Protein backbone atom coordinates (compact mmCIF):
# COMPACT_ATOMS: atom_id res chain seq x y z
CA MET A 1 -6.22 68.00 -26.50
CA SER A 2 -5.86 64.42 -27.74
CA SER A 3 -3.56 63.63 -30.63
CA PRO A 4 -4.24 61.00 -33.32
CA LEU A 5 -1.15 59.17 -32.09
CA THR A 6 -1.82 58.76 -28.38
CA GLY A 7 -5.48 59.53 -27.82
CA GLU A 8 -8.55 57.33 -27.83
CA ASN A 9 -8.60 57.35 -31.64
CA ASN A 10 -5.01 56.12 -31.92
CA ILE A 11 -4.49 54.75 -35.43
CA PHE A 12 -0.89 53.53 -35.22
CA SER A 13 -0.14 49.87 -34.61
CA ASP A 14 1.94 48.24 -31.89
CA ARG A 15 2.33 45.04 -33.95
CA TYR A 16 5.63 44.34 -35.66
CA SER A 17 5.90 40.61 -36.51
CA ALA A 18 3.50 38.07 -38.01
CA ARG A 19 4.84 35.40 -35.66
CA ALA A 20 4.21 37.55 -32.58
CA ILE A 21 0.77 38.62 -33.78
CA ALA A 22 -0.28 35.01 -34.36
CA ILE A 23 0.44 34.19 -30.70
CA GLY A 24 -1.49 37.09 -29.24
CA ASN A 25 1.46 39.53 -29.44
CA VAL A 26 2.98 37.59 -26.52
CA PHE A 27 6.60 38.13 -27.56
CA THR A 28 8.15 40.05 -24.67
CA PRO A 29 9.22 36.81 -22.88
CA LEU A 30 10.47 35.18 -26.13
CA ALA A 31 12.20 38.00 -28.06
CA ASP A 32 14.29 35.45 -30.00
CA ASP A 33 14.40 37.10 -33.43
CA SER A 34 15.21 40.61 -34.57
CA SER A 35 11.70 41.93 -33.80
CA ALA A 36 12.97 41.91 -30.21
CA VAL A 37 14.04 45.46 -31.11
CA PHE A 38 10.37 46.40 -30.68
CA TYR A 39 9.04 43.82 -28.20
CA ASN A 40 11.94 43.57 -25.74
CA PRO A 41 15.35 45.12 -26.49
CA ALA A 42 17.00 42.80 -23.95
CA GLY A 43 16.36 39.95 -26.40
CA VAL A 44 18.83 41.18 -29.03
CA GLY A 45 21.61 39.73 -26.87
CA GLN A 46 20.44 36.15 -27.52
CA PHE A 47 21.78 35.72 -31.04
CA TYR A 48 25.30 34.59 -30.12
CA GLU A 49 27.28 34.31 -33.37
CA LYS A 50 24.21 34.68 -35.60
CA SER A 51 22.43 37.69 -37.01
CA SER A 52 18.70 38.00 -37.63
CA PHE A 53 16.74 40.14 -40.10
CA ASN A 54 12.97 40.43 -40.17
CA SER A 55 10.38 42.15 -42.37
CA MET A 56 6.59 42.49 -42.22
CA TYR A 57 3.77 43.87 -44.36
CA ALA A 58 0.10 44.40 -43.55
CA ASP A 59 -2.92 46.17 -45.03
CA VAL A 60 -5.06 46.81 -41.95
CA HIS A 61 -8.58 45.37 -42.40
CA ASN A 62 -7.71 44.93 -46.13
CA LEU A 63 -9.25 48.32 -46.95
CA GLY A 64 -6.20 50.00 -48.43
CA LEU A 65 -6.48 52.82 -45.88
CA ILE A 66 -3.76 51.88 -43.38
CA LYS A 67 -0.65 50.03 -44.54
CA SER A 68 2.26 48.97 -42.37
CA PHE A 69 5.86 48.08 -43.30
CA VAL A 70 8.44 46.86 -40.78
CA LEU A 71 12.17 46.07 -41.06
CA SER A 72 14.50 45.01 -38.26
CA GLY A 73 17.91 43.48 -37.74
CA ALA A 74 19.98 42.29 -34.79
CA VAL A 75 23.43 40.85 -34.25
CA LYS A 76 25.69 39.72 -31.41
CA PHE A 77 28.29 42.50 -31.32
CA LYS A 78 30.54 41.12 -28.59
CA GLU A 79 30.44 38.12 -26.27
CA ASP A 80 27.96 39.76 -23.90
CA ILE A 81 26.61 42.63 -26.03
CA GLY A 82 23.95 42.55 -28.74
CA MET A 83 22.66 45.40 -30.85
CA GLY A 84 19.89 45.92 -33.37
CA GLY A 85 17.81 48.43 -35.22
CA GLY A 86 14.30 48.73 -36.58
CA TRP A 87 12.20 50.87 -38.89
CA VAL A 88 8.41 51.06 -38.92
CA TYR A 89 6.53 52.94 -41.62
CA GLU A 90 2.76 53.37 -41.60
CA ARG A 91 0.78 55.15 -44.26
CA VAL A 92 -2.70 56.28 -43.24
CA ASN A 93 -5.16 57.59 -45.82
CA LEU A 94 -8.28 58.71 -43.98
CA GLU A 95 -9.27 61.62 -46.19
CA PRO A 96 -9.07 64.49 -45.62
CA GLU A 97 -6.36 63.36 -43.17
CA ILE A 98 -3.33 61.67 -44.75
CA TRP A 99 -0.51 60.67 -42.43
CA GLY A 100 2.91 59.15 -42.91
CA GLN A 101 4.66 57.86 -39.80
CA HIS A 102 8.26 56.67 -39.38
CA ARG A 103 9.55 55.09 -36.18
CA LEU A 104 13.27 54.37 -35.86
CA PHE A 105 14.62 52.14 -33.08
CA TYR A 106 18.17 51.42 -31.96
CA SER A 107 18.60 48.62 -29.40
CA LEU A 108 21.46 47.62 -27.17
CA SER A 109 21.49 44.55 -24.92
CA TYR A 110 23.91 43.42 -22.23
CA GLU A 111 24.12 39.96 -20.66
CA LEU A 112 24.40 40.62 -16.94
CA ILE A 113 25.09 37.02 -15.97
CA ASP A 114 24.47 33.72 -17.71
CA SER A 115 21.25 34.06 -19.79
CA ILE A 116 19.96 37.15 -17.96
CA TYR A 117 19.78 40.23 -20.18
CA VAL A 118 18.94 43.92 -19.90
CA GLY A 119 18.38 46.22 -22.84
CA ALA A 120 17.40 49.70 -23.94
CA SER A 121 15.92 51.00 -27.16
CA PRO A 122 16.00 54.74 -27.88
CA LYS A 123 13.52 55.67 -30.60
CA LEU A 124 12.68 58.53 -32.90
CA LEU A 125 9.24 59.35 -34.31
CA ILE A 126 8.67 61.40 -37.46
CA ILE A 127 5.16 62.15 -38.75
CA THR A 128 4.57 63.88 -42.06
CA THR A 129 1.18 65.20 -43.12
CA ASP A 130 -0.50 68.08 -44.91
CA PHE A 131 -3.14 68.27 -42.21
CA PRO A 132 -3.09 71.85 -40.87
CA GLY A 133 -1.25 72.26 -37.59
CA TYR A 134 0.40 68.82 -37.60
CA GLU A 135 3.09 69.23 -40.27
CA ASN A 136 6.48 67.67 -39.55
CA VAL A 137 5.84 66.27 -36.09
CA LEU A 138 8.87 64.99 -34.18
CA GLY A 139 8.94 62.65 -31.18
CA TYR A 140 11.53 60.83 -29.14
CA GLY A 141 11.65 58.34 -26.28
CA ILE A 142 13.15 55.15 -24.94
CA ASN A 143 12.06 51.61 -24.07
CA PHE A 144 13.73 49.37 -21.47
CA GLY A 145 13.68 45.57 -21.38
CA PHE A 146 14.65 42.71 -19.07
CA LEU A 147 14.80 39.03 -20.02
CA VAL A 148 15.53 35.83 -18.09
CA THR A 149 15.82 32.80 -20.39
CA SER A 150 15.39 29.14 -19.58
CA GLU A 151 19.16 28.45 -19.45
CA SER A 152 19.40 30.50 -16.25
CA TRP A 153 16.94 28.33 -14.27
CA ASP A 154 19.02 25.72 -12.44
CA VAL A 155 16.03 23.57 -11.49
CA ALA A 156 16.40 19.80 -11.88
CA LEU A 157 12.65 19.23 -12.31
CA LEU A 158 12.58 21.53 -15.32
CA LYS A 159 15.77 20.22 -16.92
CA ASP A 160 14.86 16.56 -16.41
CA ASN A 161 11.55 17.09 -18.20
CA ASP A 162 12.95 19.28 -21.01
CA ILE A 163 10.96 22.29 -19.83
CA GLY A 164 12.21 25.82 -20.31
CA ILE A 165 10.73 28.98 -18.81
CA ASN A 166 11.39 32.55 -19.95
CA ALA A 167 10.32 35.74 -18.20
CA GLY A 168 10.40 39.21 -19.76
CA VAL A 169 9.55 42.79 -18.86
CA LEU A 170 9.15 45.72 -21.26
CA VAL A 171 8.75 49.31 -20.09
CA GLU A 172 7.69 51.40 -23.08
CA ASP A 173 7.70 55.14 -23.67
CA VAL A 174 9.86 56.19 -20.76
CA PHE A 175 10.58 59.92 -21.13
CA THR A 176 8.71 59.91 -24.44
CA ARG A 177 7.51 63.23 -25.81
CA ILE A 178 6.00 64.40 -29.07
CA GLU A 179 6.64 67.93 -30.33
CA TRP A 180 3.54 69.01 -32.21
CA GLN A 181 3.38 72.19 -34.24
CA LYS A 182 0.23 73.37 -32.53
CA GLU A 183 2.35 75.09 -29.87
CA TYR A 184 2.34 72.27 -27.36
CA ASP A 185 4.36 69.18 -26.48
CA GLU A 186 2.67 65.94 -25.55
CA LYS A 187 4.04 63.50 -23.00
CA VAL A 188 3.24 59.89 -23.89
CA PRO A 189 2.22 57.69 -20.92
CA TYR A 190 4.47 54.72 -20.28
CA HIS A 191 3.29 51.11 -20.56
CA ILE A 192 4.59 48.03 -18.76
CA THR A 193 4.38 44.48 -20.13
CA LEU A 194 5.18 41.42 -18.03
CA GLY A 195 5.29 38.07 -19.81
CA PHE A 196 6.11 34.41 -19.23
CA ASN A 197 6.78 31.66 -21.77
CA LEU A 198 6.96 27.90 -21.27
CA ASP A 199 8.77 25.71 -23.79
CA TYR A 200 8.40 21.93 -23.77
CA ASP A 201 11.22 20.08 -25.53
CA GLU A 202 11.33 22.70 -28.32
CA LYS A 203 8.01 21.29 -29.55
CA ILE A 204 5.42 23.44 -27.78
CA ASN A 205 5.59 27.08 -26.74
CA ALA A 206 2.91 28.65 -24.56
CA GLY A 207 2.98 32.20 -23.26
CA ILE A 208 1.02 34.84 -21.38
CA HIS A 209 1.54 38.54 -20.83
CA PHE A 210 -0.06 41.34 -18.84
CA LYS A 211 0.12 44.95 -19.93
CA THR A 212 -0.77 48.21 -18.22
CA LEU A 213 -2.23 50.60 -20.78
CA LYS A 214 -3.66 53.54 -18.91
CA GLU A 215 -4.89 54.34 -15.45
CA ASN A 216 -6.53 51.34 -13.79
CA ILE A 217 -6.54 49.23 -16.99
CA THR A 218 -4.54 46.02 -17.34
CA THR A 219 -4.94 43.77 -20.37
CA PHE A 220 -3.56 40.34 -21.16
CA GLY A 221 -2.64 38.11 -24.06
CA LEU A 222 -2.30 34.35 -24.53
CA GLY A 223 -0.50 32.43 -27.25
CA CYS A 224 0.92 29.07 -28.25
CA GLU A 225 3.08 27.47 -30.95
CA LEU A 226 3.08 23.83 -32.04
CA TYR A 227 6.17 22.62 -33.93
CA LEU A 228 4.53 19.90 -35.96
CA LEU A 229 7.50 18.13 -37.55
CA SER A 230 9.35 18.02 -34.22
CA MET A 231 6.26 16.59 -32.53
CA ILE A 232 5.77 13.75 -35.00
CA GLY A 233 9.45 13.22 -35.77
CA TYR A 234 9.04 13.76 -39.52
CA ASP A 235 11.85 14.94 -41.81
CA PHE A 236 11.28 16.24 -45.35
CA GLY A 237 14.84 15.35 -46.27
CA PRO A 238 17.68 17.44 -47.73
CA LYS A 239 15.88 18.44 -50.95
CA LEU A 240 13.14 20.59 -49.43
CA LYS A 241 15.33 21.82 -46.55
CA ILE A 242 12.29 22.49 -44.36
CA GLU A 243 13.21 22.14 -40.70
CA ASP A 244 9.76 22.61 -39.20
CA ILE A 245 6.18 23.75 -39.76
CA VAL A 246 4.60 25.69 -36.92
CA LEU A 247 0.93 26.24 -36.09
CA ARG A 248 0.06 29.26 -33.93
CA ALA A 249 -2.94 30.67 -32.10
CA GLY A 250 -3.54 33.47 -29.63
CA MET A 251 -5.81 36.13 -28.21
CA GLU A 252 -5.38 39.59 -26.75
CA THR A 253 -7.75 41.89 -24.93
CA GLU A 254 -7.81 45.67 -25.36
CA ASN A 255 -4.50 46.99 -26.66
CA ILE A 256 -2.85 50.37 -27.15
CA VAL A 257 -4.56 50.99 -30.47
CA SER A 258 -8.20 50.13 -29.82
CA SER A 259 -10.55 48.34 -27.44
CA GLY A 260 -12.09 44.91 -27.80
CA THR A 261 -10.88 41.33 -28.02
CA PHE A 262 -8.47 40.19 -30.73
CA ILE A 263 -8.31 36.56 -31.90
CA SER A 264 -5.29 35.47 -33.91
CA GLY A 265 -3.85 32.46 -35.67
CA GLY A 266 -1.28 31.57 -38.27
CA PHE A 267 1.58 29.35 -39.32
CA GLY A 268 5.30 29.42 -39.96
CA ILE A 269 7.60 27.52 -42.32
CA ILE A 270 11.17 27.28 -41.03
CA SER A 271 14.30 26.40 -42.98
CA GLU A 272 17.96 26.63 -42.05
CA LYS A 273 18.43 30.19 -43.34
CA PHE A 274 14.97 31.75 -43.41
CA SER A 275 11.41 31.45 -42.21
CA PHE A 276 8.07 32.64 -43.57
CA ASP A 277 5.32 33.59 -41.14
CA TYR A 278 1.65 34.35 -41.72
CA ALA A 279 -0.89 35.65 -39.23
CA ILE A 280 -4.56 36.57 -39.35
CA LEU A 281 -5.99 38.85 -36.70
CA TYR A 282 -9.72 39.26 -36.00
CA GLN A 283 -11.07 42.13 -34.00
CA ALA A 284 -14.04 40.30 -32.54
CA ASP A 285 -16.21 43.36 -31.85
CA TYR A 286 -16.08 44.47 -35.48
CA PHE A 287 -15.65 41.16 -37.34
CA ALA A 288 -12.70 42.76 -39.12
CA ALA A 289 -9.63 40.75 -40.18
CA THR A 290 -6.10 41.79 -41.04
CA HIS A 291 -3.49 39.57 -42.74
CA TYR A 292 0.19 39.87 -41.81
CA PHE A 293 3.19 38.47 -43.70
CA SER A 294 6.79 38.24 -42.44
CA LEU A 295 10.11 36.98 -43.75
CA ASN A 296 12.94 36.30 -41.32
CA PHE A 297 16.53 35.61 -42.36
CA THR A 298 19.19 34.11 -40.11
CA LYS A 299 22.84 34.30 -41.04
């Protein structure tokens, strides 16, 4: 029996940040804001003396049928320990089926040695619905992450040319189970994401990831960011307090939710304390677009 959460008709999203979506969801090797809670829990150890808070809203395909809300936060707890938490709520109205889904994440990261992090993110799933046989579904599981940031590469060629390289691994749904009320438990298959990101002088980011979804299927994503004001050396001045404007583009092949190719793009506006991110995602096979909006606060 295939559930609406993990089967071929999976309706729940694996997208949590407009910035990440705009670059093809290639965020496992970056994980440098609080959405790392979802994309790579090892990344929550990067914030040093700062804290990060992120939110996102989306109306999938702009039909009013599937709406997604995301909140996350992360902070450096001790010198080598970071922690964070996240909440995802999705409301699905596909009459006669109406679903409400909550996912709660708690992340802990430890810096093994200079700029090399490991992390874990236990998670809880609660689904509420009036659909017969699926009332009050409960699930639980854990994700593991590993991150090597550019500061750990002691390579003169990279440092002399202001090039940074990050590498990240995310293992999702380890030991994850869902307790349905139809007298059976469902084990969720694990997924592995391996990603790399190249940063040039904090002006250009380019990344790629590979993800195993199910037996004998590996997908990939590509993404890039262009920091326009840094590239041209322009400054708006103290009145506007805009530090940079970022253009983004990406693509992703078949993902956990559905098959096909996804094309994405967007922009970000960054100030000292907050940033606003927008992404548009096209599912090429269906010519359907979804708009995503995020606010990120840094303290």
